[in-house]
Amino acid sequence: MNHLVARSLMKRVIAGGICRRYVSSSIAPAPAWAWAVRENGQGLGVVPVEWRRLMSTAAEPSPSSAVVEKKNNSAVVTEKRDKDDVIVSSYWGISRPKVTREDGTEWPWNCFMPWETYRADLSIDLGKHHVPKTFTDKVAYRTVKLLRIPTDVFFQRRYGCRAMMLETVAAVPGMVGGMLLHLRSLRKFQQSGGWIKALLEEAENERMHLMTMVELVQPKWYERLLVLTVQGVFFNAFFVLYVLSPKLAHRIVGYLEEEAIHSYTEYLKDIDRGAIENVPAPAIAIDYWRLPKDATLKDVITVIRADEAHHRDVNHFASDIHFQGKELREAPAPVGYH
C-alpha cells in the first residue's frame, strides 16, 4: 500500500516539474510547502519538504523597454508654450483652441471669449423707478438711501474710485442668488427656470465692470482694505437676507442699481465738463462691449450705465414675482438680458 501511494506522489511531482519547464523564469517564485518522496532505510517514504512555486506566468518587461516607455510618458506629460514659457500639462488633453477676432488677429483674453461679447442696448429707459408701496419696499428703499450717505462722504466726486467700490459690491448679489437657487434646485429636484444662469450672468457682467474700472483707476492701499471689509460684510449680510426674504433682497438690489445709474450719470457729467479726462477706452472694454477702436472713457461709462439699467429691471422683476406669491422658476428668466 505504501508503495502505491509513493508511486502516485512521485508521478505528481514529476508532472509538476515538467510543467515548470514551460513557465517564464523571469517571474520571482514564492515559497510553498509540498510533499516529496525520498528513499530511507526502510524503503520509500513520504516527507514534507519546502519547494518554490511560481505565482504568475505574466512576462516582466525588459529594462530597455521600461526606459523607452518612461521617456515616452515624460514627453507626453508636459509641453512648453513658446509665447510665455509657461509649462502646460497636455496629459489631460486640454488645450485652448486658436481664437481670433473678426479682423483675424489673435484673441488676447482668457477671462471671456468672443461669443460672450455683446453690444449694449443704449435705448433702455434710464429714468424708470419703482415707487415703494409696501412696507418691504419702503424698508429696501430707505436702506439703500442710508448706505449712500457714507459713500458720498468718503468718495465725494471721485467717481472712478466710487465706481470701483460699487462694482465690488454689485457683483455679489447675483452670485449669492445664483448659488442659493442652485442648491435649492439640487435639494428639491426642480428646474430653476433659467434663473440660475440669469443671476450668474449678472454677477459675471458686474465683475467685468470691475475689471474695466481697474484698468482706469489704480486704487490706493486703504481703498483696497475698504473693499475687503465691505465685500466680506455685504456678502454675509446679503446671504442671510436672501435666505430669509428673497423678495426683499431683490428689491434692495433693484434700488442699488438705480443708485448706480445715478452715479454713472454724474460721472458722465464730470467728463463732459472736463473735470475728468476723457481718456481712451481700455482694450478689454473695447473687446467686451464691441466698441470702436477709438472708443473713449465716455463710451465705456455709457455702456456700463446701460448694463446697470438692465440689472435694475431684472431684480425689480424678480422681486415682483415673489410679491405675487410665486417662485422664480414659474416665470421666464431673462437669460442674456444685459
C-alpha atoms as a PDB file:
ATOM      1  CA  MET A   1       0.000   0.000   0.000  1.00  0.00           C
ATOM      2  CA  ASN A   2       2.840   2.379   0.884  1.00  0.00           C
ATOM      3  CA  HIS A   3       4.478   1.627  -2.454  1.00  0.00           C
ATOM      4  CA  LEU A   4       1.288   2.584  -4.340  1.00  0.00           C
ATOM      5  CA  VAL A   5       0.992   5.901  -2.501  1.00  0.00           C
ATOM      6  CA  ALA A   6       4.644   6.677  -3.051  1.00  0.00           C
ATOM      7  CA  ARG A   7       4.418   5.980  -6.791  1.00  0.00           C
ATOM      8  CA  SER A   8       1.336   8.185  -7.104  1.00  0.00           C
ATOM      9  CA  LEU A   9       3.030  11.099  -5.369  1.00  0.00           C
ATOM     10  CA  MET A  10       6.166  10.596  -7.432  1.00  0.00           C
ATOM     11  CA  LYS A  11       4.163  10.913 -10.654  1.00  0.00           C
ATOM     12  CA  ARG A  12       2.608  14.191  -9.429  1.00  0.00           C
ATOM     13  CA  VAL A  13       5.992  15.659  -8.506  1.00  0.00           C
ATOM     14  CA  ILE A  14       7.449  14.686 -11.866  1.00  0.00           C
ATOM     15  CA  ALA A  15       4.437  16.133 -13.693  1.00  0.00           C
ATOM     16  CA  GLY A  16       4.800  19.395 -11.783  1.00  0.00           C
ATOM     17  CA  GLY A  17       8.454  19.601 -12.671  1.00  0.00           C
ATOM     18  CA  ILE A  18       7.651  19.148 -16.345  1.00  0.00           C
ATOM     19  CA  CYS A  19       5.040  21.919 -16.233  1.00  0.00           C
ATOM     20  CA  ARG A  20       7.580  24.279 -14.716  1.00  0.00           C
ATOM     21  CA  ARG A  21       9.730  23.986 -17.831  1.00  0.00           C
ATOM     22  CA  TYR A  22       7.116  25.959 -19.797  1.00  0.00           C
ATOM     23  CA  VAL A  23       6.780  28.837 -17.286  1.00  0.00           C
ATOM     24  CA  SER A  24       8.753  32.051 -17.715  1.00  0.00           C
ATOM     25  CA  SER A  25      11.747  32.147 -15.416  1.00  0.00           C
ATOM     26  CA  SER A  26      11.661  35.950 -15.239  1.00  0.00           C
ATOM     27  CA  ILE A  27       8.994  35.956 -12.509  1.00  0.00           C
ATOM     28  CA  ALA A  28      10.208  35.695  -8.940  1.00  0.00           C
ATOM     29  CA  PRO A  29       8.929  32.423  -7.372  1.00  0.00           C
ATOM     30  CA  ALA A  30       7.318  32.229  -3.942  1.00  0.00           C
ATOM     31  CA  PRO A  31       7.887  29.526  -1.256  1.00  0.00           C
ATOM     32  CA  ALA A  32       5.290  26.865  -0.550  1.00  0.00           C
ATOM     33  CA  TRP A  33       5.077  23.504   1.158  1.00  0.00           C
ATOM     34  CA  ALA A  34       4.639  20.298  -0.767  1.00  0.00           C
ATOM     35  CA  TRP A  35       5.109  16.604  -0.296  1.00  0.00           C
ATOM     36  CA  ALA A  36       8.102  14.858  -1.766  1.00  0.00           C
ATOM     37  CA  VAL A  37       9.260  11.274  -1.863  1.00  0.00           C
ATOM     38  CA  ARG A  38      12.642  10.063  -0.759  1.00  0.00           C
ATOM     39  CA  GLU A  39      14.250   6.755  -0.056  1.00  0.00           C
ATOM     40  CA  ASN A  40      15.052   5.946   3.521  1.00  0.00           C
ATOM     41  CA  GLY A  41      16.481   2.951   5.196  1.00  0.00           C
ATOM     42  CA  GLN A  42      13.158   1.101   5.266  1.00  0.00           C
ATOM     43  CA  GLY A  43      12.145   1.847   1.691  1.00  0.00           C
ATOM     44  CA  LEU A  44      10.262   4.683   0.063  1.00  0.00           C
ATOM     45  CA  GLY A  45       8.641   7.245   2.358  1.00  0.00           C
ATOM     46  CA  VAL A  46       6.656  10.457   2.110  1.00  0.00           C
ATOM     47  CA  VAL A  47       8.058  13.531   3.883  1.00  0.00           C
ATOM     48  CA  PRO A  48       7.171  17.274   3.799  1.00  0.00           C
ATOM     49  CA  VAL A  49       9.805  19.482   2.171  1.00  0.00           C
ATOM     50  CA  GLU A  50       9.838  23.165   1.105  1.00  0.00           C
ATOM     51  CA  TRP A  51       9.804  23.912  -2.590  1.00  0.00           C
ATOM     52  CA  ARG A  52       9.215  27.101  -4.651  1.00  0.00           C
ATOM     53  CA  ARG A  53       6.054  27.670  -6.702  1.00  0.00           C
ATOM     54  CA  LEU A  54       5.689  30.172  -9.464  1.00  0.00           C
ATOM     55  CA  MET A  55       2.999  32.778  -8.747  1.00  0.00           C
ATOM     56  CA  SER A  56       2.346  34.117 -12.232  1.00  0.00           C
ATOM     57  CA  THR A  57       3.025  33.349 -15.848  1.00  0.00           C
ATOM     58  CA  ALA A  58       2.922  37.046 -16.951  1.00  0.00           C
ATOM     59  CA  ALA A  59       6.102  38.200 -18.611  1.00  0.00           C
ATOM     60  CA  GLU A  60       8.083  41.003 -16.952  1.00  0.00           C
ATOM     61  CA  PRO A  61       9.087  43.849 -19.248  1.00  0.00           C
ATOM     62  CA  SER A  62      12.735  44.103 -20.014  1.00  0.00           C
ATOM     63  CA  PRO A  63      14.766  47.045 -18.624  1.00  0.00           C
ATOM     64  CA  SER A  64      15.286  48.513 -22.101  1.00  0.00           C
ATOM     65  CA  SER A  65      11.550  48.611 -22.880  1.00  0.00           C
ATOM     66  CA  ALA A  66      10.845  50.210 -19.485  1.00  0.00           C
ATOM     67  CA  VAL A  67      13.308  53.016 -20.232  1.00  0.00           C
ATOM     68  CA  VAL A  68      11.691  53.682 -23.609  1.00  0.00           C
ATOM     69  CA  GLU A  69       8.218  53.760 -22.045  1.00  0.00           C
ATOM     70  CA  LYS A  70       9.394  56.191 -19.345  1.00  0.00           C
ATOM     71  CA  LYS A  71      10.812  58.543 -21.959  1.00  0.00           C
ATOM     72  CA  ASN A  72       7.590  58.454 -23.959  1.00  0.00           C
ATOM     73  CA  ASN A  73       5.498  59.225 -20.874  1.00  0.00           C
ATOM     74  CA  SER A  74       7.697  62.139 -19.849  1.00  0.00           C
ATOM     75  CA  ALA A  75       7.457  63.556 -23.360  1.00  0.00           C
ATOM     76  CA  VAL A  76       3.663  63.442 -23.285  1.00  0.00           C
ATOM     77  CA  VAL A  77       3.129  64.845 -19.788  1.00  0.00           C
ATOM     78  CA  THR A  78       4.323  68.412 -20.426  1.00  0.00           C
ATOM     79  CA  GLU A  79       4.866  70.816 -23.271  1.00  0.00           C
ATOM     80  CA  LYS A  80       6.309  74.304 -23.290  1.00  0.00           C
ATOM     81  CA  ARG A  81       4.362  77.227 -24.712  1.00  0.00           C
ATOM     82  CA  ASP A  82       6.688  79.380 -26.804  1.00  0.00           C
ATOM     83  CA  LYS A  83       4.872  82.628 -26.085  1.00  0.00           C
ATOM     84  CA  ASP A  84       5.496  82.998 -22.361  1.00  0.00           C
ATOM     85  CA  ASP A  85       7.445  79.845 -21.448  1.00  0.00           C
ATOM     86  CA  VAL A  86       4.626  78.518 -19.275  1.00  0.00           C
ATOM     87  CA  ILE A  87       4.644  74.773 -18.735  1.00  0.00           C
ATOM     88  CA  VAL A  88       1.216  73.479 -19.705  1.00  0.00           C
ATOM     89  CA  SER A  89       0.097  69.936 -18.999  1.00  0.00           C
ATOM     90  CA  SER A  90      -1.063  68.104 -22.113  1.00  0.00           C
ATOM     91  CA  TYR A  91      -1.635  64.785 -20.373  1.00  0.00           C
ATOM     92  CA  TRP A  92      -5.343  65.536 -19.863  1.00  0.00           C
ATOM     93  CA  GLY A  93      -5.890  66.546 -23.455  1.00  0.00           C
ATOM     94  CA  ILE A  94      -6.934  70.094 -22.527  1.00  0.00           C
ATOM     95  CA  SER A  95      -5.677  72.795 -24.830  1.00  0.00           C
ATOM     96  CA  ARG A  96      -7.072  76.159 -25.827  1.00  0.00           C
ATOM     97  CA  PRO A  97      -8.117  76.354 -29.480  1.00  0.00           C
ATOM     98  CA  LYS A  98      -6.856  79.240 -31.546  1.00  0.00           C
ATOM     99  CA  VAL A  99      -9.357  82.074 -31.168  1.00  0.00           C
ATOM    100  CA  THR A 100      -9.256  85.189 -33.317  1.00  0.00           C
ATOM    101  CA  ARG A 101     -11.102  88.472 -33.633  1.00  0.00           C
ATOM    102  CA  GLU A 102     -13.242  89.344 -36.631  1.00  0.00           C
ATOM    103  CA  ASP A 103     -10.221  91.005 -38.249  1.00  0.00           C
ATOM    104  CA  GLY A 104      -8.168  87.814 -37.868  1.00  0.00           C
ATOM    105  CA  THR A 105      -5.917  88.963 -35.018  1.00  0.00           C
ATOM    106  CA  GLU A 106      -5.357  86.660 -32.062  1.00  0.00           C
ATOM    107  CA  TRP A 107      -7.844  86.890 -29.185  1.00  0.00           C
ATOM    108  CA  PRO A 108      -5.837  88.106 -26.145  1.00  0.00           C
ATOM    109  CA  TRP A 109      -8.272  87.371 -23.291  1.00  0.00           C
ATOM    110  CA  ASN A 110      -8.717  84.203 -21.259  1.00  0.00           C
ATOM    111  CA  CYS A 111     -11.443  85.605 -18.975  1.00  0.00           C
ATOM    112  CA  PHE A 112     -14.041  85.783 -21.768  1.00  0.00           C
ATOM    113  CA  MET A 113     -14.396  84.622 -25.362  1.00  0.00           C
ATOM    114  CA  PRO A 114     -15.657  86.458 -28.497  1.00  0.00           C
ATOM    115  CA  TRP A 115     -19.020  84.670 -28.386  1.00  0.00           C
ATOM    116  CA  GLU A 116     -19.580  86.080 -24.879  1.00  0.00           C
ATOM    117  CA  THR A 117     -19.256  89.693 -26.007  1.00  0.00           C
ATOM    118  CA  TYR A 118     -22.185  91.905 -26.964  1.00  0.00           C
ATOM    119  CA  ARG A 119     -23.262  95.419 -27.866  1.00  0.00           C
ATOM    120  CA  ALA A 120     -25.032  97.201 -25.026  1.00  0.00           C
ATOM    121  CA  ASP A 121     -28.629  98.267 -25.549  1.00  0.00           C
ATOM    122  CA  LEU A 122     -28.369 102.036 -25.149  1.00  0.00           C
ATOM    123  CA  SER A 123     -32.059 102.573 -25.866  1.00  0.00           C
ATOM    124  CA  ILE A 124     -33.128 101.332 -22.434  1.00  0.00           C
ATOM    125  CA  ASP A 125     -35.086 103.759 -20.257  1.00  0.00           C
ATOM    126  CA  LEU A 126     -32.692 105.089 -17.619  1.00  0.00           C
ATOM    127  CA  GLY A 127     -35.333 107.013 -15.696  1.00  0.00           C
ATOM    128  CA  LYS A 128     -37.560 104.117 -14.624  1.00  0.00           C
ATOM    129  CA  HIS A 129     -38.118 103.941 -10.885  1.00  0.00           C
ATOM    130  CA  HIS A 130     -40.014 101.514  -8.701  1.00  0.00           C
ATOM    131  CA  VAL A 131     -42.178 103.567  -6.361  1.00  0.00           C
ATOM    132  CA  PRO A 132     -42.133 101.913  -2.912  1.00  0.00           C
ATOM    133  CA  LYS A 133     -45.657 100.968  -1.877  1.00  0.00           C
ATOM    134  CA  THR A 134     -45.490  98.110   0.595  1.00  0.00           C
ATOM    135  CA  PHE A 135     -43.665  98.089   3.910  1.00  0.00           C
ATOM    136  CA  THR A 136     -40.964  95.823   2.456  1.00  0.00           C
ATOM    137  CA  ASP A 137     -40.417  98.197  -0.458  1.00  0.00           C
ATOM    138  CA  LYS A 138     -40.015 101.129   1.901  1.00  0.00           C
ATOM    139  CA  VAL A 139     -37.524  99.216   4.036  1.00  0.00           C
ATOM    140  CA  ALA A 140     -35.469  98.381   0.937  1.00  0.00           C
ATOM    141  CA  TYR A 141     -35.591 101.948  -0.373  1.00  0.00           C
ATOM    142  CA  ARG A 142     -34.597 103.539   2.944  1.00  0.00           C
ATOM    143  CA  THR A 143     -31.803 101.014   3.441  1.00  0.00           C
ATOM    144  CA  VAL A 144     -30.223 101.899   0.106  1.00  0.00           C
ATOM    145  CA  LYS A 145     -30.552 105.640   0.768  1.00  0.00           C
ATOM    146  CA  LEU A 146     -28.823 105.212   4.134  1.00  0.00           C
ATOM    147  CA  LEU A 147     -25.997 103.214   2.542  1.00  0.00           C
ATOM    148  CA  ARG A 148     -25.399 106.028   0.066  1.00  0.00           C
ATOM    149  CA  ILE A 149     -24.616 108.595   2.787  1.00  0.00           C
ATOM    150  CA  PRO A 150     -21.206 107.167   3.883  1.00  0.00           C
ATOM    151  CA  THR A 151     -20.346 106.520   0.238  1.00  0.00           C
ATOM    152  CA  ASP A 152     -20.946 110.172  -0.674  1.00  0.00           C
ATOM    153  CA  VAL A 153     -18.914 111.342   2.314  1.00  0.00           C
ATOM    154  CA  PHE A 154     -15.947 109.061   1.604  1.00  0.00           C
ATOM    155  CA  PHE A 155     -15.664 109.323  -2.201  1.00  0.00           C
ATOM    156  CA  GLN A 156     -17.332 112.707  -2.823  1.00  0.00           C
ATOM    157  CA  ARG A 157     -16.874 113.310  -6.583  1.00  0.00           C
ATOM    158  CA  ARG A 158     -14.087 110.773  -7.161  1.00  0.00           C
ATOM    159  CA  TYR A 159     -16.342 108.730  -9.387  1.00  0.00           C
ATOM    160  CA  GLY A 160     -13.611 106.430 -10.641  1.00  0.00           C
ATOM    161  CA  CYS A 161     -12.875 105.084  -7.157  1.00  0.00           C
ATOM    162  CA  ARG A 162     -16.571 105.214  -6.353  1.00  0.00           C
ATOM    163  CA  ALA A 163     -17.383 103.037  -9.372  1.00  0.00           C
ATOM    164  CA  MET A 164     -14.676 100.562  -8.415  1.00  0.00           C
ATOM    165  CA  MET A 165     -16.151 100.200  -4.927  1.00  0.00           C
ATOM    166  CA  LEU A 166     -19.677  99.988  -6.333  1.00  0.00           C
ATOM    167  CA  GLU A 167     -18.779  97.130  -8.689  1.00  0.00           C
ATOM    168  CA  THR A 168     -17.126  95.058  -5.954  1.00  0.00           C
ATOM    169  CA  VAL A 169     -20.468  95.149  -4.125  1.00  0.00           C
ATOM    170  CA  ALA A 170     -22.732  94.889  -7.179  1.00  0.00           C
ATOM    171  CA  ALA A 171     -21.138  91.600  -8.272  1.00  0.00           C
ATOM    172  CA  VAL A 172     -22.114  89.870  -5.007  1.00  0.00           C
ATOM    173  CA  PRO A 173     -25.967  89.598  -5.199  1.00  0.00           C
ATOM    174  CA  GLY A 174     -26.051  87.697  -8.488  1.00  0.00           C
ATOM    175  CA  MET A 175     -23.538  85.164  -7.216  1.00  0.00           C
ATOM    176  CA  VAL A 176     -25.349  84.693  -3.896  1.00  0.00           C
ATOM    177  CA  GLY A 177     -28.762  84.375  -5.549  1.00  0.00           C
ATOM    178  CA  GLY A 178     -27.498  82.001  -8.235  1.00  0.00           C
ATOM    179  CA  MET A 179     -25.708  79.845  -5.662  1.00  0.00           C
ATOM    180  CA  LEU A 180     -28.749  79.556  -3.395  1.00  0.00           C
ATOM    181  CA  LEU A 181     -31.062  78.797  -6.322  1.00  0.00           C
ATOM    182  CA  HIS A 182     -28.575  76.176  -7.493  1.00  0.00           C
ATOM    183  CA  LEU A 183     -28.616  74.483  -4.087  1.00  0.00           C
ATOM    184  CA  ARG A 184     -32.403  74.727  -3.963  1.00  0.00           C
ATOM    185  CA  SER A 185     -32.659  73.081  -7.376  1.00  0.00           C
ATOM    186  CA  LEU A 186     -30.459  70.203  -6.216  1.00  0.00           C
ATOM    187  CA  ARG A 187     -32.270  69.868  -2.916  1.00  0.00           C
ATOM    188  CA  LYS A 188     -35.790  69.837  -4.349  1.00  0.00           C
ATOM    189  CA  PHE A 189     -35.016  68.121  -7.680  1.00  0.00           C
ATOM    190  CA  GLN A 190     -36.556  71.063  -9.547  1.00  0.00           C
ATOM    191  CA  GLN A 191     -35.583  73.160 -12.543  1.00  0.00           C
ATOM    192  CA  SER A 192     -34.742  76.797 -11.852  1.00  0.00           C
ATOM    193  CA  GLY A 193     -36.499  78.174 -14.902  1.00  0.00           C
ATOM    194  CA  GLY A 194     -33.198  79.604 -16.128  1.00  0.00           C
ATOM    195  CA  TRP A 195     -32.795  81.938 -13.157  1.00  0.00           C
ATOM    196  CA  ILE A 196     -29.524  80.375 -12.013  1.00  0.00           C
ATOM    197  CA  LYS A 197     -27.933  81.228 -15.340  1.00  0.00           C
ATOM    198  CA  ALA A 198     -29.519  84.693 -15.413  1.00  0.00           C
ATOM    199  CA  LEU A 199     -28.221  85.659 -11.966  1.00  0.00           C
ATOM    200  CA  LEU A 200     -24.753  84.244 -12.584  1.00  0.00           C
ATOM    201  CA  GLU A 201     -24.625  86.175 -15.861  1.00  0.00           C
ATOM    202  CA  GLU A 202     -25.404  89.311 -13.883  1.00  0.00           C
ATOM    203  CA  ALA A 203     -22.574  88.588 -11.443  1.00  0.00           C
ATOM    204  CA  GLU A 204     -20.140  87.972 -14.308  1.00  0.00           C
ATOM    205  CA  ASN A 205     -21.212  91.168 -16.064  1.00  0.00           C
ATOM    206  CA  GLU A 206     -20.661  93.191 -12.891  1.00  0.00           C
ATOM    207  CA  ARG A 207     -17.248  91.585 -12.466  1.00  0.00           C
ATOM    208  CA  MET A 208     -16.301  92.684 -15.972  1.00  0.00           C
ATOM    209  CA  HIS A 209     -17.311  96.212 -14.995  1.00  0.00           C
ATOM    210  CA  LEU A 210     -14.798  95.964 -12.159  1.00  0.00           C
ATOM    211  CA  MET A 211     -12.047  94.584 -14.406  1.00  0.00           C
ATOM    212  CA  THR A 212     -12.606  97.557 -16.703  1.00  0.00           C
ATOM    213  CA  MET A 213     -12.538 100.122 -13.887  1.00  0.00           C
ATOM    214  CA  VAL A 214      -9.308  98.662 -12.509  1.00  0.00           C
ATOM    215  CA  GLU A 215      -7.690  99.466 -15.873  1.00  0.00           C
ATOM    216  CA  LEU A 216      -8.755 103.099 -15.434  1.00  0.00           C
ATOM    217  CA  VAL A 217      -8.315 103.636 -11.694  1.00  0.00           C
ATOM    218  CA  GLN A 218      -5.454 102.451  -9.519  1.00  0.00           C
ATOM    219  CA  PRO A 219      -6.923 102.048  -6.003  1.00  0.00           C
ATOM    220  CA  LYS A 220      -4.861 103.110  -3.019  1.00  0.00           C
ATOM    221  CA  TRP A 221      -3.979 100.691  -0.239  1.00  0.00           C
ATOM    222  CA  TYR A 222      -6.693 101.927   2.118  1.00  0.00           C
ATOM    223  CA  GLU A 223      -9.273 101.649  -0.669  1.00  0.00           C
ATOM    224  CA  ARG A 224      -8.264  98.035  -1.218  1.00  0.00           C
ATOM    225  CA  LEU A 225      -8.641  97.442   2.519  1.00  0.00           C
ATOM    226  CA  LEU A 226     -12.073  99.046   2.377  1.00  0.00           C
ATOM    227  CA  VAL A 227     -13.030  96.738  -0.489  1.00  0.00           C
ATOM    228  CA  LEU A 228     -12.081  93.667   1.565  1.00  0.00           C
ATOM    229  CA  THR A 229     -14.084  94.869   4.540  1.00  0.00           C
ATOM    230  CA  VAL A 230     -17.178  95.939   2.624  1.00  0.00           C
ATOM    231  CA  GLN A 231     -17.253  92.806   0.476  1.00  0.00           C
ATOM    232  CA  GLY A 232     -16.928  90.494   3.467  1.00  0.00           C
ATOM    233  CA  VAL A 233     -19.669  92.230   5.431  1.00  0.00           C
ATOM    234  CA  PHE A 234     -22.002  92.648   2.456  1.00  0.00           C
ATOM    235  CA  PHE A 235     -21.652  89.056   1.235  1.00  0.00           C
ATOM    236  CA  ASN A 236     -22.596  87.533   4.578  1.00  0.00           C
ATOM    237  CA  ALA A 237     -25.379  90.041   5.229  1.00  0.00           C
ATOM    238  CA  PHE A 238     -26.892  89.556   1.778  1.00  0.00           C
ATOM    239  CA  PHE A 239     -26.609  85.771   2.083  1.00  0.00           C
ATOM    240  CA  VAL A 240     -28.659  85.784   5.285  1.00  0.00           C
ATOM    241  CA  LEU A 241     -31.129  88.274   3.804  1.00  0.00           C
ATOM    242  CA  TYR A 242     -31.672  86.174   0.664  1.00  0.00           C
ATOM    243  CA  VAL A 243     -32.323  83.066   2.747  1.00  0.00           C
ATOM    244  CA  LEU A 244     -34.870  84.904   4.892  1.00  0.00           C
ATOM    245  CA  SER A 245     -36.587  87.045   2.229  1.00  0.00           C
ATOM    246  CA  PRO A 246     -35.643  86.784  -1.460  1.00  0.00           C
ATOM    247  CA  LYS A 247     -38.212  89.421  -2.418  1.00  0.00           C
ATOM    248  CA  LEU A 248     -36.608  91.973  -0.079  1.00  0.00           C
ATOM    249  CA  ALA A 249     -33.128  91.020  -1.290  1.00  0.00           C
ATOM    250  CA  HIS A 250     -34.020  91.520  -4.968  1.00  0.00           C
ATOM    251  CA  ARG A 251     -35.800  94.792  -4.183  1.00  0.00           C
ATOM    252  CA  ILE A 252     -32.717  96.146  -2.429  1.00  0.00           C
ATOM    253  CA  VAL A 253     -30.569  95.193  -5.426  1.00  0.00           C
ATOM    254  CA  GLY A 254     -33.041  96.924  -7.738  1.00  0.00           C
ATOM    255  CA  TYR A 255     -32.712 100.156  -5.756  1.00  0.00           C
ATOM    256  CA  LEU A 256     -28.912  99.744  -5.614  1.00  0.00           C
ATOM    257  CA  GLU A 257     -28.885  99.592  -9.404  1.00  0.00           C
ATOM    258  CA  GLU A 258     -30.959 102.771  -9.552  1.00  0.00           C
ATOM    259  CA  GLU A 259     -28.300 104.473  -7.434  1.00  0.00           C
ATOM    260  CA  ALA A 260     -25.619 103.084  -9.734  1.00  0.00           C
ATOM    261  CA  ILE A 261     -27.359 104.660 -12.730  1.00  0.00           C
ATOM    262  CA  HIS A 262     -27.378 107.991 -10.899  1.00  0.00           C
ATOM    263  CA  SER A 263     -23.668 107.699 -10.022  1.00  0.00           C
ATOM    264  CA  TYR A 264     -22.649 106.889 -13.597  1.00  0.00           C
ATOM    265  CA  THR A 265     -24.774 109.769 -14.886  1.00  0.00           C
ATOM    266  CA  GLU A 266     -22.848 112.139 -12.606  1.00  0.00           C
ATOM    267  CA  TYR A 267     -19.628 110.507 -13.827  1.00  0.00           C
ATOM    268  CA  LEU A 268     -20.581 111.367 -17.423  1.00  0.00           C
ATOM    269  CA  LYS A 269     -21.405 114.950 -16.438  1.00  0.00           C
ATOM    270  CA  ASP A 270     -17.906 115.399 -14.999  1.00  0.00           C
ATOM    271  CA  ILE A 271     -16.421 114.015 -18.207  1.00  0.00           C
ATOM    272  CA  ASP A 272     -18.491 116.390 -20.343  1.00  0.00           C
ATOM    273  CA  ARG A 273     -17.427 119.478 -18.407  1.00  0.00           C
ATOM    274  CA  GLY A 274     -13.756 118.435 -18.351  1.00  0.00           C
ATOM    275  CA  ALA A 275     -13.420 117.640 -14.648  1.00  0.00           C
ATOM    276  CA  ILE A 276     -12.421 114.082 -15.609  1.00  0.00           C
ATOM    277  CA  GLU A 277     -10.183 113.442 -18.606  1.00  0.00           C
ATOM    278  CA  ASN A 278     -11.851 111.511 -21.414  1.00  0.00           C
ATOM    279  CA  VAL A 279      -9.032 109.011 -21.875  1.00  0.00           C
ATOM    280  CA  PRO A 280      -9.031 106.198 -24.478  1.00  0.00           C
ATOM    281  CA  ALA A 281     -11.063 103.142 -23.545  1.00  0.00           C
ATOM    282  CA  PRO A 282      -9.175 100.102 -22.206  1.00  0.00           C
ATOM    283  CA  ALA A 283      -8.656  97.259 -24.665  1.00  0.00           C
ATOM    284  CA  ILE A 284     -10.676  94.871 -22.507  1.00  0.00           C
ATOM    285  CA  ALA A 285     -13.695  97.196 -22.696  1.00  0.00           C
ATOM    286  CA  ILE A 286     -13.408  97.563 -26.469  1.00  0.00           C
ATOM    287  CA  ASP A 287     -13.478  93.802 -26.957  1.00  0.00           C
ATOM    288  CA  TYR A 288     -16.126  93.034 -24.309  1.00  0.00           C
ATOM    289  CA  TRP A 289     -18.694  95.594 -25.495  1.00  0.00           C
ATOM    290  CA  ARG A 290     -17.601  95.546 -29.162  1.00  0.00           C
ATOM    291  CA  LEU A 291     -16.773  99.218 -29.069  1.00  0.00           C
ATOM    292  CA  PRO A 292     -14.992 101.017 -31.918  1.00  0.00           C
ATOM    293  CA  LYS A 293     -11.209 101.126 -31.778  1.00  0.00           C
ATOM    294  CA  ASP A 294     -11.243 104.849 -31.000  1.00  0.00           C
ATOM    295  CA  ALA A 295     -13.708 104.497 -28.091  1.00  0.00           C
ATOM    296  CA  THR A 296     -13.150 106.674 -25.033  1.00  0.00           C
ATOM    297  CA  LEU A 297     -13.920 106.613 -21.329  1.00  0.00           C
ATOM    298  CA  LYS A 298     -17.267 108.271 -22.012  1.00  0.00           C
ATOM    299  CA  ASP A 299     -18.277 105.367 -24.261  1.00  0.00           C
ATOM    300  CA  VAL A 300     -17.299 102.866 -21.568  1.00  0.00           C
ATOM    301  CA  ILE A 301     -19.282 104.605 -18.820  1.00  0.00           C
ATOM    302  CA  THR A 302     -22.272 104.860 -21.159  1.00  0.00           C
ATOM    303  CA  VAL A 303     -22.428 101.106 -21.808  1.00  0.00           C
ATOM    304  CA  ILE A 304     -21.822 100.284 -18.135  1.00  0.00           C
ATOM    305  CA  ARG A 305     -24.722 102.538 -17.175  1.00  0.00           C
ATOM    306  CA  ALA A 306     -26.942 100.698 -19.677  1.00  0.00           C
ATOM    307  CA  ASP A 307     -25.933  97.378 -18.091  1.00  0.00           C
ATOM    308  CA  GLU A 308     -26.907  98.686 -14.667  1.00  0.00           C
ATOM    309  CA  ALA A 309     -30.323  99.682 -16.012  1.00  0.00           C
ATOM    310  CA  HIS A 310     -30.865  96.124 -17.234  1.00  0.00           C
ATOM    311  CA  HIS A 311     -29.863  94.708 -13.841  1.00  0.00           C
ATOM    312  CA  ARG A 312     -32.309  97.124 -12.223  1.00  0.00           C
ATOM    313  CA  ASP A 313     -35.135  95.733 -14.341  1.00  0.00           C
ATOM    314  CA  VAL A 314     -34.197  92.093 -13.679  1.00  0.00           C
ATOM    315  CA  ASN A 315     -34.105  92.465  -9.897  1.00  0.00           C
ATOM    316  CA  HIS A 316     -37.297  94.502  -9.617  1.00  0.00           C
ATOM    317  CA  PHE A 317     -38.955  91.895 -11.851  1.00  0.00           C
ATOM    318  CA  ALA A 318     -37.697  89.068  -9.600  1.00  0.00           C
ATOM    319  CA  SER A 319     -38.981  90.859  -6.510  1.00  0.00           C
ATOM    320  CA  ASP A 320     -42.394  91.361  -8.139  1.00  0.00           C
ATOM    321  CA  ILE A 321     -42.605  87.606  -8.790  1.00  0.00           C
ATOM    322  CA  HIS A 322     -42.034  86.883  -5.101  1.00  0.00           C
ATOM    323  CA  PHE A 323     -44.568  89.545  -4.086  1.00  0.00           C
ATOM    324  CA  GLN A 324     -47.164  87.677  -6.151  1.00  0.00           C
ATOM    325  CA  GLY A 325     -46.539  84.594  -4.020  1.00  0.00           C
ATOM    326  CA  LYS A 326     -44.794  82.677  -6.803  1.00  0.00           C
ATOM    327  CA  GLU A 327     -41.344  81.201  -7.262  1.00  0.00           C
ATOM    328  CA  LEU A 328     -38.833  82.493  -9.783  1.00  0.00           C
ATOM    329  CA  ARG A 329     -38.915  79.248 -11.752  1.00  0.00           C
ATOM    330  CA  GLU A 330     -42.575  79.920 -12.610  1.00  0.00           C
ATOM    331  CA  ALA A 331     -41.628  82.981 -14.681  1.00  0.00           C
ATOM    332  CA  PRO A 332     -39.276  83.036 -17.672  1.00  0.00           C
ATOM    333  CA  ALA A 333     -35.767  84.110 -16.748  1.00  0.00           C
ATOM    334  CA  PRO A 334     -34.204  86.991 -18.712  1.00  0.00           C
ATOM    335  CA  VAL A 335     -31.188  84.956 -19.824  1.00  0.00           C
ATOM    336  CA  GLY A 336     -28.783  87.044 -21.896  1.00  0.00           C
ATOM    337  CA  TYR A 337     -30.520  90.269 -20.863  1.00  0.00           C
ATOM    338  CA  HIS A 338     -27.685  92.750 -20.246  1.00  0.00           C
END
